[in-house]
Amino acid sequence: KGLHLESVDIARDARMRTIRINDFWRGVVLAPDDGSDTFLLV
């Protein structure tokens, strides 16, 4: 619940996620969709 790894509903790339940094900042993450565990902070 703290990181809030969330999908981006209108994203053209279905792997796009955001995570919570604080109330006003978000990290944009490319998440694997193939079962692997490597995430890319973009």
PDB file of all heavy atoms in Angstrom:
ATOM      1  N   LYS A   1       0.812  -1.214   0.000  1.00  0.00           N
ATOM      2  CA  LYS A   1       0.000   0.000   0.000  1.00  0.00           C
ATOM      3  C   LYS A   1       0.853   1.275   0.000  1.00  0.00           C
ATOM      4  O   LYS A   1       0.406   2.331  -0.419  1.00  0.00           O
ATOM      5  CB  LYS A   1      -0.908   0.010   1.242  1.00  0.00           C
ATOM      6  CG  LYS A   1      -1.860  -1.173   1.336  1.00  0.00           C
ATOM      7  CD  LYS A   1      -2.937  -1.099   0.274  1.00  0.00           C
ATOM      8  CE  LYS A   1      -3.978  -2.205   0.491  1.00  0.00           C
ATOM      9  NZ  LYS A   1      -5.021  -2.181  -0.557  1.00  0.00           N
ATOM     10  N   GLY A   2       2.074   1.153   0.514  1.00  0.00           N
ATOM     11  CA  GLY A   2       2.916   2.347   0.600  1.00  0.00           C
ATOM     12  C   GLY A   2       3.477   2.776  -0.741  1.00  0.00           C
ATOM     13  O   GLY A   2       3.505   3.956  -1.082  1.00  0.00           O
ATOM     14  N   LEU A   3       3.952   1.813  -1.532  1.00  0.00           N
ATOM     15  CA  LEU A   3       4.548   2.157  -2.824  1.00  0.00           C
ATOM     16  C   LEU A   3       3.499   2.478  -3.884  1.00  0.00           C
ATOM     17  O   LEU A   3       3.786   3.237  -4.815  1.00  0.00           O
ATOM     18  CB  LEU A   3       5.438   1.002  -3.310  1.00  0.00           C
ATOM     19  CG  LEU A   3       6.780   0.850  -2.599  1.00  0.00           C
ATOM     20  CD1 LEU A   3       7.517  -0.377  -3.129  1.00  0.00           C
ATOM     21  CD2 LEU A   3       7.643   2.087  -2.772  1.00  0.00           C
ATOM     22  N   HIS A   4       2.310   1.908  -3.743  1.00  0.00           N
ATOM     23  CA  HIS A   4       1.246   2.177  -4.718  1.00  0.00           C
ATOM     24  C   HIS A   4       1.721   1.905  -6.140  1.00  0.00           C
ATOM     25  O   HIS A   4       1.677   2.783  -7.005  1.00  0.00           O
ATOM     26  CB  HIS A   4       0.762   3.631  -4.617  1.00  0.00           C
ATOM     27  CG  HIS A   4      -0.006   3.927  -3.370  1.00  0.00           C
ATOM     28  ND1 HIS A   4      -1.321   3.556  -3.187  1.00  0.00           N
ATOM     29  CD2 HIS A   4       0.360   4.559  -2.226  1.00  0.00           C
ATOM     30  CE1 HIS A   4      -1.728   3.952  -1.994  1.00  0.00           C
ATOM     31  NE2 HIS A   4      -0.724   4.559  -1.385  1.00  0.00           N
ATOM     32  N   LEU A   5       2.192   0.698  -6.408  1.00  0.00           N
ATOM     33  CA  LEU A   5       2.572   0.334  -7.775  1.00  0.00           C
ATOM     34  C   LEU A   5       1.285   0.212  -8.596  1.00  0.00           C
ATOM     35  O   LEU A   5       0.531  -0.751  -8.448  1.00  0.00           O
ATOM     36  CB  LEU A   5       3.350  -0.982  -7.780  1.00  0.00           C
ATOM     37  CG  LEU A   5       3.888  -1.437  -9.140  1.00  0.00           C
ATOM     38  CD1 LEU A   5       4.967  -0.484  -9.640  1.00  0.00           C
ATOM     39  CD2 LEU A   5       4.429  -2.849  -9.050  1.00  0.00           C
ATOM     40  N   GLU A   6       1.029   1.190  -9.452  1.00  0.00           N
ATOM     41  CA  GLU A   6      -0.243   1.278 -10.148  1.00  0.00           C
ATOM     42  C   GLU A   6      -0.057   1.285 -11.654  1.00  0.00           C
ATOM     43  O   GLU A   6       0.906   1.862 -12.176  1.00  0.00           O
ATOM     44  CB  GLU A   6      -0.982   2.559  -9.735  1.00  0.00           C
ATOM     45  CG  GLU A   6      -1.308   2.642  -8.256  1.00  0.00           C
ATOM     46  CD  GLU A   6      -1.934   3.975  -7.881  1.00  0.00           C
ATOM     47  OE1 GLU A   6      -1.883   4.904  -8.731  1.00  0.00           O
ATOM     48  OE2 GLU A   6      -2.445   4.097  -6.760  1.00  0.00           O
ATOM     49  N   SER A   7      -1.002   0.690 -12.353  1.00  0.00           N
ATOM     50  CA  SER A   7      -1.017   0.750 -13.818  1.00  0.00           C
ATOM     51  C   SER A   7      -1.424   2.155 -14.260  1.00  0.00           C
ATOM     52  O   SER A   7      -2.067   2.901 -13.506  1.00  0.00           O
ATOM     53  CB  SER A   7      -2.007  -0.267 -14.388  1.00  0.00           C
ATOM     54  OG  SER A   7      -1.648  -1.581 -14.018  1.00  0.00           O
ATOM     55  N   VAL A   8      -1.030   2.497 -15.473  1.00  0.00           N
ATOM     56  CA  VAL A   8      -1.427   3.777 -16.068  1.00  0.00           C
ATOM     57  C   VAL A   8      -2.504   3.462 -17.094  1.00  0.00           C
ATOM     58  O   VAL A   8      -2.233   2.885 -18.150  1.00  0.00           O
ATOM     59  CB  VAL A   8      -0.220   4.482 -16.725  1.00  0.00           C
ATOM     60  CG1 VAL A   8      -0.654   5.808 -17.346  1.00  0.00           C
ATOM     61  CG2 VAL A   8       0.870   4.712 -15.685  1.00  0.00           C
ATOM     62  N   ASP A   9      -3.748   3.815 -16.766  1.00  0.00           N
ATOM     63  CA  ASP A   9      -4.897   3.372 -17.555  1.00  0.00           C
ATOM     64  C   ASP A   9      -4.797   3.750 -19.028  1.00  0.00           C
ATOM     65  O   ASP A   9      -5.172   2.973 -19.907  1.00  0.00           O
ATOM     66  CB  ASP A   9      -6.188   3.938 -16.961  1.00  0.00           C
ATOM     67  CG  ASP A   9      -6.485   3.347 -15.588  1.00  0.00           C
ATOM     68  OD1 ASP A   9      -5.988   2.244 -15.314  1.00  0.00           O
ATOM     69  OD2 ASP A   9      -7.186   4.006 -14.798  1.00  0.00           O
ATOM     70  N   ILE A  10      -4.301   4.943 -19.319  1.00  0.00           N
ATOM     71  CA  ILE A  10      -4.294   5.421 -20.708  1.00  0.00           C
ATOM     72  C   ILE A  10      -2.936   5.225 -21.377  1.00  0.00           C
ATOM     73  O   ILE A  10      -2.666   5.805 -22.423  1.00  0.00           O
ATOM     74  CB  ILE A  10      -4.690   6.912 -20.766  1.00  0.00           C
ATOM     75  CG1 ILE A  10      -3.740   7.749 -19.881  1.00  0.00           C
ATOM     76  CG2 ILE A  10      -6.137   7.103 -20.334  1.00  0.00           C
ATOM     77  CD1 ILE A  10      -3.992   9.249 -19.987  1.00  0.00           C
ATOM     78  N   ALA A  11      -2.088   4.404 -20.796  1.00  0.00           N
ATOM     79  CA  ALA A  11      -0.734   4.230 -21.328  1.00  0.00           C
ATOM     80  C   ALA A  11      -0.761   3.477 -22.654  1.00  0.00           C
ATOM     81  O   ALA A  11      -1.527   2.526 -22.839  1.00  0.00           O
ATOM     82  CB  ALA A  11       0.130   3.476 -20.329  1.00  0.00           C
ATOM     83  N   ARG A  12       0.102   3.894 -23.587  1.00  0.00           N
ATOM     84  CA  ARG A  12       0.261   3.177 -24.844  1.00  0.00           C
ATOM     85  C   ARG A  12       1.103   1.924 -24.659  1.00  0.00           C
ATOM     86  O   ARG A  12       1.075   1.023 -25.497  1.00  0.00           O
ATOM     87  CB  ARG A  12       0.907   4.109 -25.879  1.00  0.00           C
ATOM     88  CG  ARG A  12       0.089   5.350 -26.193  1.00  0.00           C
ATOM     89  CD  ARG A  12      -1.222   4.994 -26.883  1.00  0.00           C
ATOM     90  NE  ARG A  12      -0.965   4.459 -28.200  1.00  0.00           N
ATOM     91  CZ  ARG A  12      -0.877   5.215 -29.302  1.00  0.00           C
ATOM     92  NH1 ARG A  12      -1.040   6.528 -29.220  1.00  0.00           N
ATOM     93  NH2 ARG A  12      -0.661   4.663 -30.472  1.00  0.00           N
ATOM     94  N   ASP A  13       1.904   1.885 -23.587  1.00  0.00           N
ATOM     95  CA  ASP A  13       2.696   0.705 -23.242  1.00  0.00           C
ATOM     96  C   ASP A  13       2.090   0.102 -21.978  1.00  0.00           C
ATOM     97  O   ASP A  13       2.117   0.711 -20.909  1.00  0.00           O
ATOM     98  CB  ASP A  13       4.160   1.098 -23.007  1.00  0.00           C
ATOM     99  CG  ASP A  13       5.098  -0.099 -22.912  1.00  0.00           C
ATOM    100  OD1 ASP A  13       4.660  -1.137 -22.378  1.00  0.00           O
ATOM    101  OD2 ASP A  13       6.253   0.013 -23.364  1.00  0.00           O
ATOM    102  N   ALA A  14       1.525  -1.097 -22.099  1.00  0.00           N
ATOM    103  CA  ALA A  14       0.804  -1.708 -20.987  1.00  0.00           C
ATOM    104  C   ALA A  14       1.690  -2.014 -19.788  1.00  0.00           C
ATOM    105  O   ALA A  14       1.187  -2.285 -18.692  1.00  0.00           O
ATOM    106  CB  ALA A  14       0.134  -2.998 -21.472  1.00  0.00           C
ATOM    107  N   ARG A  15       2.994  -1.970 -19.959  1.00  0.00           N
ATOM    108  CA  ARG A  15       3.910  -2.278 -18.854  1.00  0.00           C
ATOM    109  C   ARG A  15       4.192  -1.069 -17.975  1.00  0.00           C
ATOM    110  O   ARG A  15       4.885  -1.184 -16.959  1.00  0.00           O
ATOM    111  CB  ARG A  15       5.221  -2.828 -19.409  1.00  0.00           C
ATOM    112  CG  ARG A  15       5.073  -4.121 -20.191  1.00  0.00           C
ATOM    113  CD  ARG A  15       6.349  -4.458 -20.947  1.00  0.00           C
ATOM    114  NE  ARG A  15       6.652  -3.446 -21.964  1.00  0.00           N
ATOM    115  CZ  ARG A  15       7.736  -3.463 -22.737  1.00  0.00           C
ATOM    116  NH1 ARG A  15       8.624  -4.442 -22.599  1.00  0.00           N
ATOM    117  NH2 ARG A  15       7.930  -2.520 -23.631  1.00  0.00           N
ATOM    118  N   MET A  16       3.714   0.112 -18.346  1.00  0.00           N
ATOM    119  CA  MET A  16       3.969   1.321 -17.577  1.00  0.00           C
ATOM    120  C   MET A  16       3.271   1.267 -16.220  1.00  0.00           C
ATOM    121  O   MET A  16       2.090   0.932 -16.116  1.00  0.00           O
ATOM    122  CB  MET A  16       3.489   2.557 -18.348  1.00  0.00           C
ATOM    123  CG  MET A  16       4.381   2.961 -19.504  1.00  0.00           C
ATOM    124  SD  MET A  16       5.979   3.601 -18.939  1.00  0.00           S
ATOM    125  CE  MET A  16       6.595   4.268 -20.514  1.00  0.00           C
ATOM    126  N   ARG A  17       4.024   1.610 -15.173  1.00  0.00           N
ATOM    127  CA  ARG A  17       3.491   1.697 -13.820  1.00  0.00           C
ATOM    128  C   ARG A  17       4.012   2.987 -13.175  1.00  0.00           C
ATOM    129  O   ARG A  17       4.997   3.563 -13.620  1.00  0.00           O
ATOM    130  CB  ARG A  17       3.958   0.514 -12.959  1.00  0.00           C
ATOM    131  CG  ARG A  17       3.633  -0.852 -13.520  1.00  0.00           C
ATOM    132  CD  ARG A  17       2.159  -1.201 -13.359  1.00  0.00           C
ATOM    133  NE  ARG A  17       1.895  -2.583 -13.716  1.00  0.00           N
ATOM    134  CZ  ARG A  17       1.636  -2.998 -14.963  1.00  0.00           C
ATOM    135  NH1 ARG A  17       1.599  -2.114 -15.957  1.00  0.00           N
ATOM    136  NH2 ARG A  17       1.417  -4.280 -15.213  1.00  0.00           N
ATOM    137  N   THR A  18       3.334   3.395 -12.120  1.00  0.00           N
ATOM    138  CA  THR A  18       3.870   4.480 -11.296  1.00  0.00           C
ATOM    139  C   THR A  18       3.978   3.986  -9.863  1.00  0.00           C
ATOM    140  O   THR A  18       3.230   3.090  -9.437  1.00  0.00           O
ATOM    141  CB  THR A  18       2.983   5.737 -11.324  1.00  0.00           C
ATOM    142  OG1 THR A  18       1.718   5.447 -10.721  1.00  0.00           O
ATOM    143  CG2 THR A  18       2.795   6.240 -12.740  1.00  0.00           C
ATOM    144  N   ILE A  19       4.935   4.541  -9.115  1.00  0.00           N
ATOM    145  CA  ILE A  19       5.067   4.242  -7.692  1.00  0.00           C
ATOM    146  C   ILE A  19       5.083   5.550  -6.918  1.00  0.00           C
ATOM    147  O   ILE A  19       5.508   6.589  -7.433  1.00  0.00           O
ATOM    148  CB  ILE A  19       6.335   3.423  -7.375  1.00  0.00           C
ATOM    149  CG1 ILE A  19       7.594   4.191  -7.815  1.00  0.00           C
ATOM    150  CG2 ILE A  19       6.280   2.064  -8.010  1.00  0.00           C
ATOM    151  CD1 ILE A  19       8.873   3.527  -7.356  1.00  0.00           C
ATOM    152  N   ARG A  20       4.657   5.505  -5.697  1.00  0.00           N
ATOM    153  CA  ARG A  20       4.554   6.703  -4.881  1.00  0.00           C
ATOM    154  C   ARG A  20       5.904   7.057  -4.263  1.00  0.00           C
ATOM    155  O   ARG A  20       6.527   6.223  -3.615  1.00  0.00           O
ATOM    156  CB  ARG A  20       3.523   6.483  -3.767  1.00  0.00           C
ATOM    157  CG  ARG A  20       3.262   7.703  -2.894  1.00  0.00           C
ATOM    158  CD  ARG A  20       2.247   7.356  -1.811  1.00  0.00           C
ATOM    159  NE  ARG A  20       1.889   8.525  -1.029  1.00  0.00           N
ATOM    160  CZ  ARG A  20       2.583   8.985   0.024  1.00  0.00           C
ATOM    161  NH1 ARG A  20       3.691   8.342   0.394  1.00  0.00           N
ATOM    162  NH2 ARG A  20       2.189  10.051   0.685  1.00  0.00           N
ATOM    163  N   ILE A  21       6.354   8.286  -4.468  1.00  0.00           N
ATOM    164  CA  ILE A  21       7.541   8.810  -3.780  1.00  0.00           C
ATOM    165  C   ILE A  21       7.092   9.585  -2.544  1.00  0.00           C
ATOM    166  O   ILE A  21       7.572   9.371  -1.443  1.00  0.00           O
ATOM    167  CB  ILE A  21       8.369   9.713  -4.715  1.00  0.00           C
ATOM    168  CG1 ILE A  21       8.779   8.948  -5.985  1.00  0.00           C
ATOM    169  CG2 ILE A  21       9.590  10.257  -3.987  1.00  0.00           C
ATOM    170  CD1 ILE A  21       9.612   7.715  -5.760  1.00  0.00           C
ATOM    171  N   ASN A  22       6.160  10.538  -2.750  1.00  0.00           N
ATOM    172  CA  ASN A  22       5.471  11.226  -1.655  1.00  0.00           C
ATOM    173  C   ASN A  22       4.127  11.701  -2.200  1.00  0.00           C
ATOM    174  O   ASN A  22       3.703  11.252  -3.274  1.00  0.00           O
ATOM    175  CB  ASN A  22       6.324  12.371  -1.068  1.00  0.00           C
ATOM    176  CG  ASN A  22       6.670  13.439  -2.099  1.00  0.00           C
ATOM    177  OD1 ASN A  22       5.930  13.647  -3.071  1.00  0.00           O
ATOM    178  ND2 ASN A  22       7.774  14.120  -1.892  1.00  0.00           N
ATOM    179  N   ASP A  23       3.477  12.611  -1.510  1.00  0.00           N
ATOM    180  CA  ASP A  23       2.135  13.030  -1.937  1.00  0.00           C
ATOM    181  C   ASP A  23       2.135  13.688  -3.314  1.00  0.00           C
ATOM    182  O   ASP A  23       1.105  13.687  -4.001  1.00  0.00           O
ATOM    183  CB  ASP A  23       1.545  14.016  -0.920  1.00  0.00           C
ATOM    184  CG  ASP A  23       1.174  13.327   0.390  1.00  0.00           C
ATOM    185  OD1 ASP A  23       1.053  12.079   0.373  1.00  0.00           O
ATOM    186  OD2 ASP A  23       1.021  14.018   1.411  1.00  0.00           O
ATOM    187  N   PHE A  24       3.276  14.267  -3.714  1.00  0.00           N
ATOM    188  CA  PHE A  24       3.290  15.058  -4.943  1.00  0.00           C
ATOM    189  C   PHE A  24       4.192  14.496  -6.044  1.00  0.00           C
ATOM    190  O   PHE A  24       4.189  15.007  -7.153  1.00  0.00           O
ATOM    191  CB  PHE A  24       3.726  16.501  -4.625  1.00  0.00           C
ATOM    192  CG  PHE A  24       2.843  17.176  -3.624  1.00  0.00           C
ATOM    193  CD1 PHE A  24       3.241  17.297  -2.302  1.00  0.00           C
ATOM    194  CD2 PHE A  24       1.593  17.664  -3.980  1.00  0.00           C
ATOM    195  CE1 PHE A  24       2.425  17.911  -1.367  1.00  0.00           C
ATOM    196  CE2 PHE A  24       0.776  18.283  -3.052  1.00  0.00           C
ATOM    197  CZ  PHE A  24       1.187  18.412  -1.735  1.00  0.00           C
ATOM    198  N   TRP A  25       4.965  13.454  -5.757  1.00  0.00           N
ATOM    199  CA  TRP A  25       5.928  12.942  -6.728  1.00  0.00           C
ATOM    200  C   TRP A  25       5.706  11.453  -6.971  1.00  0.00           C
ATOM    201  O   TRP A  25       5.368  10.707  -6.050  1.00  0.00           O
ATOM    202  CB  TRP A  25       7.367  13.178  -6.246  1.00  0.00           C
ATOM    203  CG  TRP A  25       7.732  14.636  -6.266  1.00  0.00           C
ATOM    204  CD1 TRP A  25       7.508  15.556  -5.289  1.00  0.00           C
ATOM    205  CD2 TRP A  25       8.353  15.337  -7.349  1.00  0.00           C
ATOM    206  NE1 TRP A  25       7.950  16.800  -5.682  1.00  0.00           N
ATOM    207  CE2 TRP A  25       8.481  16.693  -6.946  1.00  0.00           C
ATOM    208  CE3 TRP A  25       8.824  14.970  -8.599  1.00  0.00           C
ATOM    209  CZ2 TRP A  25       9.052  17.667  -7.758  1.00  0.00           C
ATOM    210  CZ3 TRP A  25       9.396  15.936  -9.407  1.00  0.00           C
ATOM    211  CH2 TRP A  25       9.504  17.259  -8.988  1.00  0.00           C
ATOM    212  N   ARG A  26       5.907  11.050  -8.205  1.00  0.00           N
ATOM    213  CA  ARG A  26       5.758   9.662  -8.610  1.00  0.00           C
ATOM    214  C   ARG A  26       6.974   9.219  -9.421  1.00  0.00           C
ATOM    215  O   ARG A  26       7.537  10.001 -10.193  1.00  0.00           O
ATOM    216  CB  ARG A  26       4.500   9.465  -9.472  1.00  0.00           C
ATOM    217  CG  ARG A  26       3.183   9.700  -8.760  1.00  0.00           C
ATOM    218  CD  ARG A  26       2.918   8.610  -7.734  1.00  0.00           C
ATOM    219  NE  ARG A  26       1.611   8.754  -7.108  1.00  0.00           N
ATOM    220  CZ  ARG A  26       1.357   9.504  -6.038  1.00  0.00           C
ATOM    221  NH1 ARG A  26       2.346  10.208  -5.498  1.00  0.00           N
ATOM    222  NH2 ARG A  26       0.158   9.564  -5.512  1.00  0.00           N
ATOM    223  N   GLY A  27       7.338   7.962  -9.252  1.00  0.00           N
ATOM    224  CA  GLY A  27       8.326   7.351 -10.129  1.00  0.00           C
ATOM    225  C   GLY A  27       7.598   6.604 -11.233  1.00  0.00           C
ATOM    226  O   GLY A  27       6.552   5.996 -11.000  1.00  0.00           O
ATOM    227  N   VAL A  28       8.132   6.656 -12.440  1.00  0.00           N
ATOM    228  CA  VAL A  28       7.556   5.919 -13.565  1.00  0.00           C
ATOM    229  C   VAL A  28       8.418   4.682 -13.789  1.00  0.00           C
ATOM    230  O   VAL A  28       9.643   4.783 -13.940  1.00  0.00           O
ATOM    231  CB  VAL A  28       7.506   6.776 -14.844  1.00  0.00           C
ATOM    232  CG1 VAL A  28       6.859   5.982 -15.983  1.00  0.00           C
ATOM    233  CG2 VAL A  28       6.731   8.062 -14.588  1.00  0.00           C
ATOM    234  N   VAL A  29       7.759   3.517 -13.788  1.00  0.00           N
ATOM    235  CA  VAL A  29       8.462   2.238 -13.836  1.00  0.00           C
ATOM    236  C   VAL A  29       7.960   1.418 -15.014  1.00  0.00           C
ATOM    237  O   VAL A  29       6.758   1.380 -15.285  1.00  0.00           O
ATOM    238  CB  VAL A  29       8.253   1.443 -12.523  1.00  0.00           C
ATOM    239  CG1 VAL A  29       8.935   0.083 -12.590  1.00  0.00           C
ATOM    240  CG2 VAL A  29       8.761   2.242 -11.333  1.00  0.00           C
ATOM    241  N   LEU A  30       8.901   0.772 -15.703  1.00  0.00           N
ATOM    242  CA  LEU A  30       8.541  -0.208 -16.716  1.00  0.00           C
ATOM    243  C   LEU A  30       8.610  -1.577 -16.054  1.00  0.00           C
ATOM    244  O   LEU A  30       9.672  -2.016 -15.615  1.00  0.00           O
ATOM    245  CB  LEU A  30       9.509  -0.128 -17.903  1.00  0.00           C
ATOM    246  CG  LEU A  30       9.061  -0.837 -19.183  1.00  0.00           C
ATOM    247  CD1 LEU A  30       7.837  -0.150 -19.772  1.00  0.00           C
ATOM    248  CD2 LEU A  30      10.192  -0.861 -20.198  1.00  0.00           C
ATOM    249  N   ALA A  31       7.444  -2.234 -15.968  1.00  0.00           N
ATOM    250  CA  ALA A  31       7.350  -3.504 -15.240  1.00  0.00           C
ATOM    251  C   ALA A  31       7.341  -4.673 -16.210  1.00  0.00           C
ATOM    252  O   ALA A  31       6.787  -4.576 -17.312  1.00  0.00           O
ATOM    253  CB  ALA A  31       6.079  -3.523 -14.395  1.00  0.00           C
ATOM    254  N   PRO A  32       7.944  -5.799 -15.835  1.00  0.00           N
ATOM    255  CA  PRO A  32       7.951  -6.962 -16.729  1.00  0.00           C
ATOM    256  C   PRO A  32       6.548  -7.554 -16.853  1.00  0.00           C
ATOM    257  O   PRO A  32       5.779  -7.570 -15.892  1.00  0.00           O
ATOM    258  CB  PRO A  32       8.913  -7.930 -16.036  1.00  0.00           C
ATOM    259  CG  PRO A  32       8.828  -7.557 -14.587  1.00  0.00           C
ATOM    260  CD  PRO A  32       8.621  -6.078 -14.551  1.00  0.00           C
ATOM    261  N   ASP A  33       6.212  -8.052 -18.036  1.00  0.00           N
ATOM    262  CA  ASP A  33       4.928  -8.711 -18.244  1.00  0.00           C
ATOM    263  C   ASP A  33       5.109 -10.175 -18.627  1.00  0.00           C
ATOM    264  O   ASP A  33       4.192 -10.816 -19.144  1.00  0.00           O
ATOM    265  CB  ASP A  33       4.118  -7.993 -19.318  1.00  0.00           C
ATOM    266  CG  ASP A  33       4.832  -7.929 -20.654  1.00  0.00           C
ATOM    267  OD1 ASP A  33       5.979  -8.418 -20.743  1.00  0.00           O
ATOM    268  OD2 ASP A  33       4.244  -7.384 -21.607  1.00  0.00           O
ATOM    269  N   ASP A  34       6.325 -10.689 -18.369  1.00  0.00           N
ATOM    270  CA  ASP A  34       6.645 -12.056 -18.781  1.00  0.00           C
ATOM    271  C   ASP A  34       7.007 -12.948 -17.598  1.00  0.00           C
ATOM    272  O   ASP A  34       7.603 -14.008 -17.758  1.00  0.00           O
ATOM    273  CB  ASP A  34       7.811 -12.036 -19.774  1.00  0.00           C
ATOM    274  CG  ASP A  34       9.004 -11.247 -19.249  1.00  0.00           C
ATOM    275  OD1 ASP A  34       8.994 -10.872 -18.059  1.00  0.00           O
ATOM    276  OD2 ASP A  34       9.935 -10.999 -20.036  1.00  0.00           O
ATOM    277  N   GLY A  35       6.678 -12.494 -16.408  1.00  0.00           N
ATOM    278  CA  GLY A  35       6.958 -13.297 -15.232  1.00  0.00           C
ATOM    279  C   GLY A  35       8.344 -13.099 -14.644  1.00  0.00           C
ATOM    280  O   GLY A  35       8.659 -13.683 -13.606  1.00  0.00           O
ATOM    281  N   SER A  36       9.190 -12.273 -15.258  1.00  0.00           N
ATOM    282  CA  SER A  36      10.533 -12.027 -14.725  1.00  0.00           C
ATOM    283  C   SER A  36      10.468 -10.993 -13.607  1.00  0.00           C
ATOM    284  O   SER A  36       9.391 -10.480 -13.283  1.00  0.00           O
ATOM    285  CB  SER A  36      11.462 -11.546 -15.840  1.00  0.00           C
ATOM    286  OG  SER A  36      11.014 -10.309 -16.367  1.00  0.00           O
ATOM    287  N   ASP A  37      11.601 -10.665 -13.004  1.00  0.00           N
ATOM    288  CA  ASP A  37      11.590  -9.784 -11.835  1.00  0.00           C
ATOM    289  C   ASP A  37      12.427  -8.525 -12.015  1.00  0.00           C
ATOM    290  O   ASP A  37      12.820  -7.892 -11.036  1.00  0.00           O
ATOM    291  CB  ASP A  37      12.073 -10.554 -10.605  1.00  0.00           C
ATOM    292  CG  ASP A  37      13.511 -11.064 -10.760  1.00  0.00           C
ATOM    293  OD1 ASP A  37      14.073 -10.888 -11.854  1.00  0.00           O
ATOM    294  OD2 ASP A  37      14.047 -11.632  -9.794  1.00  0.00           O
ATOM    295  N   THR A  38      12.750  -8.134 -13.253  1.00  0.00           N
ATOM    296  CA  THR A  38      13.567  -6.943 -13.498  1.00  0.00           C
ATOM    297  C   THR A  38      12.670  -5.758 -13.840  1.00  0.00           C
ATOM    298  O   THR A  38      11.910  -5.791 -14.812  1.00  0.00           O
ATOM    299  CB  THR A  38      14.562  -7.181 -14.639  1.00  0.00           C
ATOM    300  OG1 THR A  38      15.408  -8.275 -14.301  1.00  0.00           O
ATOM    301  CG2 THR A  38      15.417  -5.942 -14.865  1.00  0.00           C
ATOM    302  N   PHE A  39      12.766  -4.705 -13.030  1.00  0.00           N
ATOM    303  CA  PHE A  39      11.984  -3.491 -13.226  1.00  0.00           C
ATOM    304  C   PHE A  39      12.931  -2.356 -13.637  1.00  0.00           C
ATOM    305  O   PHE A  39      14.063  -2.278 -13.156  1.00  0.00           O
ATOM    306  CB  PHE A  39      11.257  -3.105 -11.939  1.00  0.00           C
ATOM    307  CG  PHE A  39      10.150  -4.051 -11.550  1.00  0.00           C
ATOM    308  CD1 PHE A  39      10.435  -5.305 -11.013  1.00  0.00           C
ATOM    309  CD2 PHE A  39       8.826  -3.688 -11.704  1.00  0.00           C
ATOM    310  CE1 PHE A  39       9.431  -6.183 -10.647  1.00  0.00           C
ATOM    311  CE2 PHE A  39       7.801  -4.561 -11.341  1.00  0.00           C
ATOM    312  CZ  PHE A  39       8.101  -5.802 -10.813  1.00  0.00           C
ATOM    313  N   LEU A  40      12.444  -1.470 -14.497  1.00  0.00           N
ATOM    314  CA  LEU A  40      13.252  -0.347 -14.981  1.00  0.00           C
ATOM    315  C   LEU A  40      12.619   0.961 -14.542  1.00  0.00           C
ATOM    316  O   LEU A  40      11.483   1.277 -14.916  1.00  0.00           O
ATOM    317  CB  LEU A  40      13.348  -0.393 -16.510  1.00  0.00           C
ATOM    318  CG  LEU A  40      14.132   0.747 -17.172  1.00  0.00           C
ATOM    319  CD1 LEU A  40      15.610   0.682 -16.780  1.00  0.00           C
ATOM    320  CD2 LEU A  40      13.991   0.688 -18.694  1.00  0.00           C
ATOM    321  N   LEU A  41      13.327   1.724 -13.716  1.00  0.00           N
ATOM    322  CA  LEU A  41      12.861   3.050 -13.313  1.00  0.00           C
ATOM    323  C   LEU A  41      13.257   4.038 -14.407  1.00  0.00           C
ATOM    324  O   LEU A  41      14.445   4.226 -14.678  1.00  0.00           O
ATOM    325  CB  LEU A  41      13.485   3.454 -11.975  1.00  0.00           C
ATOM    326  CG  LEU A  41      12.959   4.762 -11.367  1.00  0.00           C
ATOM    327  CD1 LEU A  41      11.480   4.649 -11.045  1.00  0.00           C
ATOM    328  CD2 LEU A  41      13.737   5.119 -10.107  1.00  0.00           C
ATOM    329  N   VAL A  42      12.256   4.659 -15.044  1.00  0.00           N
ATOM    330  CA  VAL A  42      12.541   5.477 -16.231  1.00  0.00           C
ATOM    331  C   VAL A  42      12.397   6.970 -15.993  1.00  0.00           C
ATOM    332  O   VAL A  42      12.906   7.774 -16.772  1.00  0.00           O
ATOM    333  CB  VAL A  42      11.648   5.053 -17.418  1.00  0.00           C
ATOM    334  CG1 VAL A  42      11.958   3.631 -17.835  1.00  0.00           C
ATOM    335  CG2 VAL A  42      10.165   5.195 -17.091  1.00  0.00           C
TER     336      VAL A  42
END
